[in-house]
């Protein structure tokens, strides 16, 4: 028994000396203690807008090709998001045309108040193809993600639609 423990300790010490601590130990420990809920991989931002923290995230609906989420911010977080939106030309206060807003209406997102809109065309691997709203509003696109930030309610609605081809 003691011999087995010593062998294990020697192996661990050898690993520590062979591999730098940052590349071997730290990621393993971090992965053990990280919160591994579904929100953690949901979204980190749109364009130049980075979402560093939020109060809560709620899945508000699913349909055949997409899911819709509502991300709730407190006052401080909401102010940071609004500042970032104002600095990013891909966000606009110009509402979506009907075909995109209909995605949100399916999930009872109707009364938006003062809102900012984001639309981006993506490919199958989620690489960005087009961000120009004047182009995207007026042509058929199949792979896209959209967001609406309701600054009155401090909620960001996020919808991603794609088709498996």
Protein backbone atom coordinates (compact mmCIF):
# COMPACT_ATOMS: atom_id res chain seq x y z
CA UNK A 1 0.00 0.00 0.00
CA UNK A 2 2.69 2.48 1.00
CA UNK A 3 4.74 1.38 -1.98
CA UNK A 4 1.84 2.19 -4.34
CA UNK A 5 1.39 5.64 -2.82
CA UNK A 6 5.11 6.38 -3.18
CA UNK A 7 5.06 5.26 -6.82
CA UNK A 8 2.08 7.53 -7.55
CA UNK A 9 3.78 10.46 -5.82
CA UNK A 10 6.97 9.89 -7.83
CA UNK A 11 4.99 9.81 -11.07
CA UNK A 12 3.24 13.06 -10.14
CA UNK A 13 6.55 14.71 -9.26
CA UNK A 14 8.03 13.55 -12.57
CA UNK A 15 5.09 15.06 -14.45
CA UNK A 16 5.48 18.35 -12.58
CA UNK A 17 9.18 18.56 -13.49
CA UNK A 18 8.74 17.40 -17.08
CA UNK A 19 5.80 19.72 -17.88
CA UNK A 20 5.54 23.32 -16.72
CA UNK A 21 2.99 23.79 -13.98
CA UNK A 22 0.92 26.20 -16.03
CA UNK A 23 0.40 23.78 -18.90
CA UNK A 24 -0.29 20.64 -16.88
CA UNK A 25 -1.60 21.34 -13.41
CA UNK A 26 -3.40 24.68 -13.63
CA UNK A 27 -5.82 23.74 -16.46
CA UNK A 28 -6.67 20.47 -14.74
CA UNK A 29 -7.40 22.17 -11.43
CA UNK A 30 -9.34 24.99 -13.08
CA UNK A 31 -11.50 22.54 -15.04
CA UNK A 32 -12.34 20.69 -11.85
CA UNK A 33 -13.50 23.79 -10.00
CA UNK A 34 -15.10 25.76 -12.84
CA UNK A 35 -18.84 26.14 -12.96
CA UNK A 36 -19.78 23.89 -15.85
CA UNK A 37 -23.36 24.99 -16.47
CA UNK A 38 -24.90 25.51 -19.89
CA UNK A 39 -24.59 29.31 -19.60
CA UNK A 40 -20.79 29.21 -19.44
CA UNK A 41 -20.44 28.42 -23.14
CA UNK A 42 -23.49 30.31 -24.32
CA UNK A 43 -22.18 33.63 -25.48
CA UNK A 44 -19.25 35.92 -24.93
CA UNK A 45 -20.27 38.77 -27.17
CA UNK A 46 -21.41 40.16 -30.49
CA UNK A 47 -19.00 42.10 -32.67
CA UNK A 48 -17.08 44.48 -30.42
CA UNK A 49 -19.53 44.03 -27.54
CA UNK A 50 -18.11 41.69 -24.92
CA UNK A 51 -20.30 40.13 -22.26
CA UNK A 52 -18.15 39.60 -19.20
CA UNK A 53 -20.86 38.96 -16.65
CA UNK A 54 -24.61 38.95 -16.25
CA UNK A 55 -27.19 38.33 -13.57
CA UNK A 56 -28.75 35.28 -15.20
CA UNK A 57 -29.41 33.67 -18.53
CA UNK A 58 -32.71 32.08 -19.42
CA UNK A 59 -33.56 29.90 -22.39
CA UNK A 60 -36.90 31.27 -23.55
CA UNK A 61 -37.58 28.98 -26.46
CA UNK A 62 -36.44 26.46 -29.00
CA UNK A 63 -37.61 25.73 -32.49
CA UNK A 64 -36.37 23.40 -35.20
CA UNK A 65 -33.30 25.44 -36.14
CA UNK A 66 -32.56 27.77 -33.29
CA UNK A 67 -32.75 28.63 -29.64
CA UNK A 68 -33.56 31.95 -28.06
CA UNK A 69 -32.06 33.22 -24.81
CA UNK A 70 -32.64 36.20 -22.57
CA UNK A 71 -29.58 37.51 -20.73
CA UNK A 72 -30.38 39.77 -17.78
CA UNK A 73 -28.01 42.52 -16.60
CA UNK A 74 -27.84 44.60 -13.46
CA UNK A 75 -27.50 48.40 -13.69
CA UNK A 76 -23.69 48.45 -13.81
CA UNK A 77 -23.48 45.67 -16.39
CA UNK A 78 -26.21 47.32 -18.48
CA UNK A 79 -24.30 50.61 -18.56
CA UNK A 80 -21.15 48.82 -19.75
CA UNK A 81 -23.08 46.97 -22.47
CA UNK A 82 -24.72 50.19 -23.68
CA UNK A 83 -21.34 51.97 -23.86
CA UNK A 84 -19.92 49.11 -25.94
CA UNK A 85 -22.96 49.08 -28.22
CA UNK A 86 -22.57 52.79 -28.87
CA UNK A 87 -18.95 52.19 -29.95
CA UNK A 88 -19.76 49.31 -32.34
CA UNK A 89 -21.07 50.23 -35.79
CA UNK A 90 -22.58 46.77 -36.26
CA UNK A 91 -25.19 47.55 -33.59
CA UNK A 92 -27.94 49.93 -34.61
CA UNK A 93 -31.23 51.29 -33.32
CA UNK A 94 -32.75 50.50 -36.74
CA UNK A 95 -35.17 47.59 -36.16
CA UNK A 96 -34.99 44.35 -38.10
CA UNK A 97 -37.16 43.77 -41.13
CA UNK A 98 -40.09 41.41 -40.56
CA UNK A 99 -38.31 38.17 -41.40
CA UNK A 100 -35.85 38.61 -38.52
CA UNK A 101 -38.16 40.15 -35.94
CA UNK A 102 -40.56 37.24 -36.52
CA UNK A 103 -37.97 34.95 -34.92
CA UNK A 104 -38.34 36.92 -31.71
CA UNK A 105 -42.11 37.20 -31.90
CA UNK A 106 -42.27 33.39 -31.84
CA UNK A 107 -40.95 33.63 -28.28
CA UNK A 108 -43.29 36.47 -27.19
CA UNK A 109 -40.65 39.18 -27.43
CA UNK A 110 -42.79 42.07 -28.58
CA UNK A 111 -42.64 45.23 -26.47
CA UNK A 112 -39.02 46.28 -26.76
CA UNK A 113 -38.92 49.96 -25.84
CA UNK A 114 -35.51 51.53 -26.56
CA UNK A 115 -33.60 48.74 -28.26
CA UNK A 116 -30.42 48.10 -30.21
CA UNK A 117 -30.22 45.44 -32.90
CA UNK A 118 -27.44 43.18 -34.13
CA UNK A 119 -27.48 40.84 -37.13
CA UNK A 120 -24.62 38.88 -38.64
CA UNK A 121 -24.51 36.27 -41.38
CA UNK A 122 -22.44 33.23 -40.50
CA UNK A 123 -21.38 30.05 -42.23
CA UNK A 124 -21.83 26.50 -41.02
CA UNK A 125 -18.77 26.78 -38.76
CA UNK A 126 -19.98 30.09 -37.27
CA UNK A 127 -17.44 32.18 -39.18
CA UNK A 128 -18.74 35.66 -39.94
CA UNK A 129 -19.57 36.28 -43.61
CA UNK A 130 -21.43 39.60 -43.58
CA UNK A 131 -22.30 42.27 -41.01
CA UNK A 132 -23.72 45.11 -43.13
CA UNK A 133 -27.36 45.54 -42.11
CA UNK A 134 -28.39 47.24 -45.36
CA UNK A 135 -27.22 44.16 -47.24
CA UNK A 136 -28.54 41.58 -44.78
CA UNK A 137 -32.00 43.10 -44.36
CA UNK A 138 -32.59 42.94 -48.09
CA UNK A 139 -31.45 39.48 -49.08
CA UNK A 140 -32.23 35.92 -48.12
CA UNK A 141 -29.75 34.53 -45.61
CA UNK A 142 -29.93 31.11 -44.01
CA UNK A 143 -27.22 31.07 -41.39
CA UNK A 144 -27.33 33.97 -38.97
CA UNK A 145 -27.30 35.06 -35.40
CA UNK A 146 -29.14 38.06 -34.05
CA UNK A 147 -29.42 39.97 -30.84
CA UNK A 148 -31.68 42.67 -29.50
CA UNK A 149 -30.61 44.65 -26.48
CA UNK A 150 -33.58 46.20 -24.68
CA UNK A 151 -31.98 49.01 -22.72
CA UNK A 152 -35.18 49.78 -20.78
CA UNK A 153 -35.44 46.28 -19.32
CA UNK A 154 -31.64 45.60 -19.35
CA UNK A 155 -32.16 42.35 -21.25
CA UNK A 156 -30.23 41.07 -24.23
CA UNK A 157 -32.22 38.66 -26.37
CA UNK A 158 -30.05 36.30 -28.38
CA UNK A 159 -31.26 34.11 -31.22
CA UNK A 160 -29.18 31.90 -33.46
CA UNK A 161 -30.69 30.29 -36.53
CA UNK A 162 -28.91 27.91 -38.83
CA UNK A 163 -29.77 25.12 -41.19
CA UNK A 164 -28.02 21.79 -41.38
CA UNK A 165 -27.16 21.22 -45.01
